Amino acid sequence: MPVNGNRWFGFGCGVASIVLLTLAGCKSGSDDAKKKEEPKAQVEVKKDNLGKTIPAQPASLVKPGKMLNFKDAVILDLAPEGELQPPEKTYTGKNAVKIYETIASGLWDQTTFTNNDGKPIRYRGVITTDLGEIHIELLGEHAPNHVRNFVCLAKTGYYDGMGFYYSINRRVEDGTVAYIETGCPRGTGETGSGSIGYWLRPEITEKLTHTEGVLGACLGEDIESAACRFYITAEPNPYMDGKFTIFGRVTKGMDVVRAINKRPVGEFDRPTQPVVIRTVTIQAIPE
């Protein structure tokens, strides 16, 4: 059942989820809002993949590049609009509550952008699939909290065994929409499903655009509903600019991304034979 305005307490009942990534008509914040110390942004998604009309939702943006502790970087006790009660286990059989606890109780704060000697580092993700590897440069200078979230989830094995359940490739009025998506704990990408108990505050910046091979955070009805789900663009997607947090880019393996994106799909852009992620490994690279 949808959870609208109800506060969830504790790890057990605080595990929550996100809506699917929708691209049918979003808006970025106004110029007036950008002048404020804590700018406001507005997303208006006309319809999701199931044809549901989605209203505009205002939200606070995190200043790009500002690394926050777990409590300040995420939303915990008030579910964003349109969220569903999450499953206790992911469809790959992992304990969602345990993963949440691991991240919230220490892994998040241990994931910094310096090594043991205090020297700056960058993170790289290697997504190993049935069709080959996808190497991702994670953009901590622009979206440090989304990067830390991805790193933490990968280190807990959250993504291992998940499939790319959406593969969208079509022309729209303002350009191309071509991307692949994964990360839903149910493995379905259904509306309201995508979190394990916390949501990320947006880190949207005009400095990053949707060229091919962009790694971004999926969101739905509420701009603050991003958490575990992510997409990778298979082509330039200018239609998505300014509406989603970009936190990585492909440095190797675009042929794999395109191959996944070109596989046959059925109803609602679901691949008839989803490509599975075997592992996501994280590498810390000295600056």
Protein backbone atom coordinates (compact mmCIF):
# COMPACT_ATOMS: atom_id res chain seq x y z
CA MET A 1 0.00 0.00 0.00
CA PRO A 2 1.22 3.55 -0.64
CA VAL A 3 2.78 5.31 2.30
CA ASN A 4 1.86 8.99 2.13
CA GLY A 5 2.88 11.22 5.03
CA ASN A 6 3.35 8.37 7.52
CA ARG A 7 6.50 8.35 9.61
CA TRP A 8 8.41 5.08 9.73
CA PHE A 9 10.55 4.29 12.77
CA GLY A 10 13.46 1.87 13.20
CA PHE A 11 15.32 -0.18 10.65
CA GLY A 12 12.69 -2.91 10.42
CA CYS A 13 9.75 -0.66 9.53
CA GLY A 14 11.89 2.13 8.09
CA VAL A 15 12.92 0.24 4.96
CA ALA A 16 11.35 2.08 2.03
CA SER A 17 11.38 2.33 -1.75
CA ILE A 18 11.28 4.63 -4.75
CA VAL A 19 9.26 5.18 -7.85
CA LEU A 20 10.51 4.29 -11.33
CA LEU A 21 12.51 6.68 -13.45
CA THR A 22 10.15 8.71 -15.63
CA LEU A 23 11.08 11.06 -18.43
CA ALA A 24 7.84 12.30 -19.97
CA GLY A 25 8.08 15.97 -18.95
CA CYS A 26 10.23 17.32 -16.12
CA LYS A 27 11.14 20.85 -15.08
CA SER A 28 14.18 22.15 -13.26
CA GLY A 29 14.02 24.87 -10.60
CA SER A 30 13.23 28.49 -11.45
CA ASP A 31 15.85 31.21 -11.66
CA ASP A 32 14.48 32.85 -8.51
CA ALA A 33 14.86 29.66 -6.54
CA LYS A 34 18.45 29.26 -7.63
CA LYS A 35 19.31 32.58 -5.99
CA LYS A 36 18.42 31.28 -2.54
CA GLU A 37 20.98 29.76 -0.20
CA GLU A 38 19.11 26.46 -0.33
CA PRO A 39 17.71 26.44 -3.87
CA LYS A 40 14.41 24.82 -4.71
CA ALA A 41 13.87 22.67 -7.75
CA GLN A 42 10.66 21.43 -9.28
CA VAL A 43 10.08 18.26 -11.21
CA GLU A 44 6.95 17.74 -13.24
CA VAL A 45 6.60 14.29 -14.77
CA LYS A 46 3.53 14.07 -16.96
CA LYS A 47 3.23 10.29 -17.16
CA ASP A 48 5.22 7.30 -15.96
CA ASN A 49 5.79 4.07 -17.88
CA LEU A 50 2.41 2.78 -16.74
CA GLY A 51 0.60 5.90 -17.96
CA LYS A 52 0.05 7.36 -14.49
CA THR A 53 -0.03 11.17 -14.28
CA ILE A 54 2.59 12.52 -11.88
CA PRO A 55 2.33 16.05 -10.39
CA ALA A 56 5.12 18.55 -9.79
CA GLN A 57 6.92 18.34 -6.44
CA PRO A 58 9.18 21.03 -4.90
CA ALA A 59 12.29 19.89 -3.03
CA SER A 60 15.48 21.15 -1.42
CA LEU A 61 18.68 20.62 -3.36
CA VAL A 62 21.97 19.75 -1.75
CA LYS A 63 24.71 22.13 -2.83
CA PRO A 64 26.76 20.20 -5.43
CA GLY A 65 30.04 18.91 -4.04
CA LYS A 66 29.02 19.12 -0.37
CA MET A 67 29.71 15.87 1.46
CA LEU A 68 27.26 15.28 4.30
CA ASN A 69 26.97 12.76 7.09
CA PHE A 70 24.36 10.06 6.66
CA LYS A 71 21.65 11.77 8.69
CA ASP A 72 21.92 15.05 6.78
CA ALA A 73 22.40 13.53 3.33
CA VAL A 74 19.29 11.36 3.39
CA ILE A 75 15.61 11.43 4.30
CA LEU A 76 14.74 8.86 6.94
CA ASP A 77 11.52 9.36 8.84
CA LEU A 78 9.10 10.82 6.31
CA ALA A 79 8.49 8.83 3.15
CA PRO A 80 8.48 10.91 -0.05
CA GLU A 81 5.16 11.11 -1.87
CA GLY A 82 4.10 7.91 -3.59
CA GLU A 83 6.35 5.42 -1.79
CA LEU A 84 5.43 1.80 -1.07
CA GLN A 85 6.24 -0.40 1.89
CA PRO A 86 9.48 -2.11 0.79
CA PRO A 87 10.19 -5.82 0.86
CA GLU A 88 12.22 -7.20 3.77
CA LYS A 89 14.37 -9.05 1.26
CA THR A 90 15.46 -8.11 -2.23
CA TYR A 91 14.41 -10.35 -5.09
CA THR A 92 17.98 -11.66 -5.14
CA GLY A 93 17.46 -12.95 -1.59
CA LYS A 94 19.47 -10.31 0.31
CA ASN A 95 18.30 -8.91 3.65
CA ALA A 96 17.37 -5.28 2.91
CA VAL A 97 17.22 -4.34 6.61
CA LYS A 98 20.72 -5.67 7.23
CA ILE A 99 22.09 -3.73 4.25
CA TYR A 100 20.39 -0.58 5.57
CA GLU A 101 21.89 -1.09 9.02
CA THR A 102 25.37 -1.70 7.61
CA ILE A 103 25.29 1.55 5.63
CA ALA A 104 23.65 3.72 8.30
CA SER A 105 25.71 2.44 11.23
CA GLY A 106 29.14 3.14 9.81
CA LEU A 107 29.83 2.24 6.18
CA TRP A 108 28.53 5.60 4.92
CA ASP A 109 30.79 7.66 7.19
CA GLN A 110 33.74 5.37 6.41
CA THR A 111 33.29 6.07 2.70
CA THR A 112 35.25 9.27 2.22
CA PHE A 113 37.29 10.80 -0.57
CA THR A 114 40.69 10.44 1.08
CA ASN A 115 42.81 7.38 1.78
CA ASN A 116 44.44 6.40 5.08
CA ASP A 117 47.25 8.88 4.39
CA GLY A 118 44.81 11.74 3.88
CA LYS A 119 45.44 11.92 0.14
CA PRO A 120 42.48 12.50 -2.19
CA ILE A 121 41.01 9.54 -4.05
CA ARG A 122 38.38 8.96 -6.72
CA TYR A 123 36.08 5.97 -6.95
CA ARG A 124 35.56 3.73 -9.94
CA GLY A 125 32.82 1.15 -10.26
CA VAL A 126 33.17 -1.97 -12.38
CA ILE A 127 29.83 -3.54 -13.30
CA THR A 128 30.34 -7.08 -14.52
CA THR A 129 27.44 -8.37 -16.63
CA ASP A 130 26.68 -11.38 -18.78
CA LEU A 131 27.76 -9.34 -21.80
CA GLY A 132 30.96 -7.85 -20.38
CA GLU A 133 32.23 -5.14 -18.05
CA ILE A 134 31.08 -1.53 -17.70
CA HIS A 135 33.63 0.77 -16.03
CA ILE A 136 32.18 3.84 -14.31
CA GLU A 137 34.06 6.94 -13.14
CA LEU A 138 32.13 8.18 -10.09
CA LEU A 139 31.84 11.97 -9.87
CA GLY A 140 32.38 12.72 -6.22
CA GLU A 141 33.21 16.36 -6.88
CA HIS A 142 29.66 16.95 -8.16
CA ALA A 143 27.49 14.45 -6.28
CA PRO A 144 29.49 13.08 -3.32
CA ASN A 145 26.48 11.73 -1.45
CA HIS A 146 25.09 9.82 -4.43
CA VAL A 147 28.56 8.43 -5.06
CA ARG A 148 28.90 7.31 -1.45
CA ASN A 149 25.47 5.70 -1.64
CA PHE A 150 26.44 3.74 -4.76
CA VAL A 151 29.77 2.72 -3.24
CA CYS A 152 28.10 1.55 -0.03
CA LEU A 153 25.42 -0.45 -1.84
CA ALA A 154 28.01 -2.05 -4.09
CA LYS A 155 30.24 -2.98 -1.15
CA THR A 156 27.32 -4.74 0.58
CA GLY A 157 26.65 -6.75 -2.59
CA TYR A 158 23.25 -5.15 -3.05
CA TYR A 159 23.44 -5.03 -6.86
CA ASP A 160 24.95 -8.48 -7.38
CA GLY A 161 22.49 -10.71 -9.23
CA MET A 162 20.13 -7.91 -10.30
CA GLY A 163 18.97 -7.58 -13.88
CA PHE A 164 18.44 -4.54 -16.09
CA TYR A 165 14.63 -4.59 -16.00
CA TYR A 166 14.10 -1.52 -18.22
CA SER A 167 15.65 -0.81 -21.60
CA ILE A 168 14.17 2.28 -23.22
CA ASN A 169 15.15 3.49 -26.68
CA ARG A 170 12.88 5.94 -28.44
CA ARG A 171 12.65 9.37 -29.95
CA VAL A 172 10.72 12.10 -28.13
CA GLU A 173 9.82 15.65 -29.04
CA ASP A 174 12.98 17.15 -27.52
CA GLY A 175 15.46 14.45 -28.50
CA THR A 176 16.37 10.89 -27.58
CA VAL A 177 15.45 8.79 -24.58
CA ALA A 178 17.77 5.79 -24.54
CA TYR A 179 18.87 4.23 -21.27
CA ILE A 180 18.97 1.04 -19.23
CA GLU A 181 17.87 0.80 -15.59
CA THR A 182 18.38 -1.46 -12.58
CA GLY A 183 18.51 -1.35 -8.77
CA CYS A 184 14.89 -1.90 -7.69
CA PRO A 185 14.82 -4.21 -4.64
CA ARG A 186 11.80 -6.02 -6.09
CA GLY A 187 13.45 -6.30 -9.50
CA THR A 188 10.39 -4.88 -11.20
CA GLY A 189 10.93 -1.12 -11.30
CA GLU A 190 7.31 -0.67 -10.26
CA THR A 191 6.03 2.70 -9.13
CA GLY A 192 7.02 3.43 -5.53
CA SER A 193 9.71 0.77 -5.28
CA GLY A 194 13.42 1.48 -5.10
CA SER A 195 14.67 2.20 -1.56
CA ILE A 196 15.76 0.10 1.40
CA GLY A 197 14.73 2.68 3.99
CA TYR A 198 16.25 6.02 3.07
CA TRP A 199 16.12 8.50 0.22
CA LEU A 200 18.75 10.89 -1.14
CA ARG A 201 18.51 14.64 -1.32
CA PRO A 202 19.08 15.76 -4.94
CA GLU A 203 22.51 16.95 -6.12
CA ILE A 204 21.53 18.34 -9.51
CA THR A 205 23.98 20.60 -11.29
CA GLU A 206 23.88 22.38 -14.64
CA LYS A 207 27.57 21.54 -15.10
CA LEU A 208 26.70 17.97 -16.06
CA THR A 209 24.58 16.96 -19.05
CA HIS A 210 23.25 13.68 -20.35
CA THR A 211 25.83 12.67 -22.89
CA GLU A 212 26.05 8.97 -23.69
CA GLY A 213 27.28 6.78 -20.85
CA VAL A 214 25.94 8.91 -18.00
CA LEU A 215 25.17 7.23 -14.68
CA GLY A 216 22.22 8.88 -12.95
CA ALA A 217 19.86 8.39 -10.03
CA CYS A 218 16.31 7.26 -10.80
CA LEU A 219 13.45 9.16 -9.21
CA GLY A 220 9.71 9.34 -9.59
CA GLU A 221 6.82 11.37 -8.18
CA ASP A 222 9.01 13.22 -5.69
CA ILE A 223 12.40 14.68 -6.60
CA GLU A 224 13.68 13.40 -3.23
CA SER A 225 12.74 9.80 -4.05
CA ALA A 226 16.09 8.62 -5.46
CA ALA A 227 17.91 5.87 -3.54
CA CYS A 228 19.03 2.51 -4.96
CA ARG A 229 17.93 2.60 -8.59
CA PHE A 230 20.18 3.97 -11.33
CA TYR A 231 20.22 4.34 -15.10
CA ILE A 232 22.94 4.49 -17.74
CA THR A 233 22.32 6.42 -20.94
CA ALA A 234 22.99 4.59 -24.20
CA GLU A 235 22.90 7.79 -26.28
CA PRO A 236 22.90 11.52 -25.55
CA ASN A 237 19.65 12.29 -23.71
CA PRO A 238 19.33 16.11 -23.56
CA TYR A 239 15.67 15.70 -22.60
CA MET A 240 16.86 14.58 -19.14
CA ASP A 241 19.19 17.50 -18.40
CA GLY A 242 18.58 19.36 -15.16
CA LYS A 243 16.05 16.84 -13.88
CA PHE A 244 18.14 14.04 -12.38
CA THR A 245 21.30 13.74 -10.30
CA ILE A 246 24.22 12.64 -12.45
CA PHE A 247 26.93 10.92 -10.42
CA GLY A 248 29.05 8.96 -12.88
CA ARG A 249 30.09 8.36 -16.47
CA VAL A 250 31.15 5.28 -18.42
CA THR A 251 34.86 5.17 -19.26
CA LYS A 252 34.89 1.68 -20.74
CA GLY A 253 32.17 -0.69 -21.88
CA MET A 254 29.79 1.54 -23.86
CA ASP A 255 29.51 -1.34 -26.31
CA VAL A 256 28.03 -3.38 -23.45
CA VAL A 257 25.57 -0.61 -22.55
CA ARG A 258 24.43 -0.32 -26.18
CA ALA A 259 24.13 -4.08 -26.53
CA ILE A 260 21.89 -4.25 -23.46
CA ASN A 261 19.82 -1.31 -24.73
CA LYS A 262 19.27 -2.94 -28.14
CA ARG A 263 18.02 -6.28 -26.84
CA PRO A 264 14.36 -7.11 -27.54
CA VAL A 265 11.80 -5.68 -25.12
CA GLY A 266 8.18 -6.47 -24.42
CA GLU A 267 5.42 -4.53 -22.70
CA PHE A 268 6.47 -1.43 -20.72
CA ASP A 269 10.01 -1.56 -22.17
CA ARG A 270 10.92 -4.68 -20.20
CA PRO A 271 13.64 -6.84 -21.82
CA THR A 272 12.42 -10.28 -22.77
CA GLN A 273 15.75 -11.68 -21.54
CA PRO A 274 17.20 -9.22 -18.96
CA VAL A 275 20.97 -8.96 -18.72
CA VAL A 276 22.14 -9.79 -15.19
CA ILE A 277 24.74 -7.94 -13.11
CA ARG A 278 27.10 -10.52 -11.69
CA THR A 279 29.08 -8.15 -9.46
CA VAL A 280 29.71 -4.48 -8.87
CA THR A 281 33.19 -3.86 -7.50
CA ILE A 282 34.61 -0.56 -6.27
CA GLN A 283 38.15 0.69 -6.82
CA ALA A 284 39.71 3.64 -4.98
CA ILE A 285 42.02 5.52 -7.36
CA PRO A 286 44.58 8.11 -6.10
CA GLU A 287 44.05 11.56 -7.59
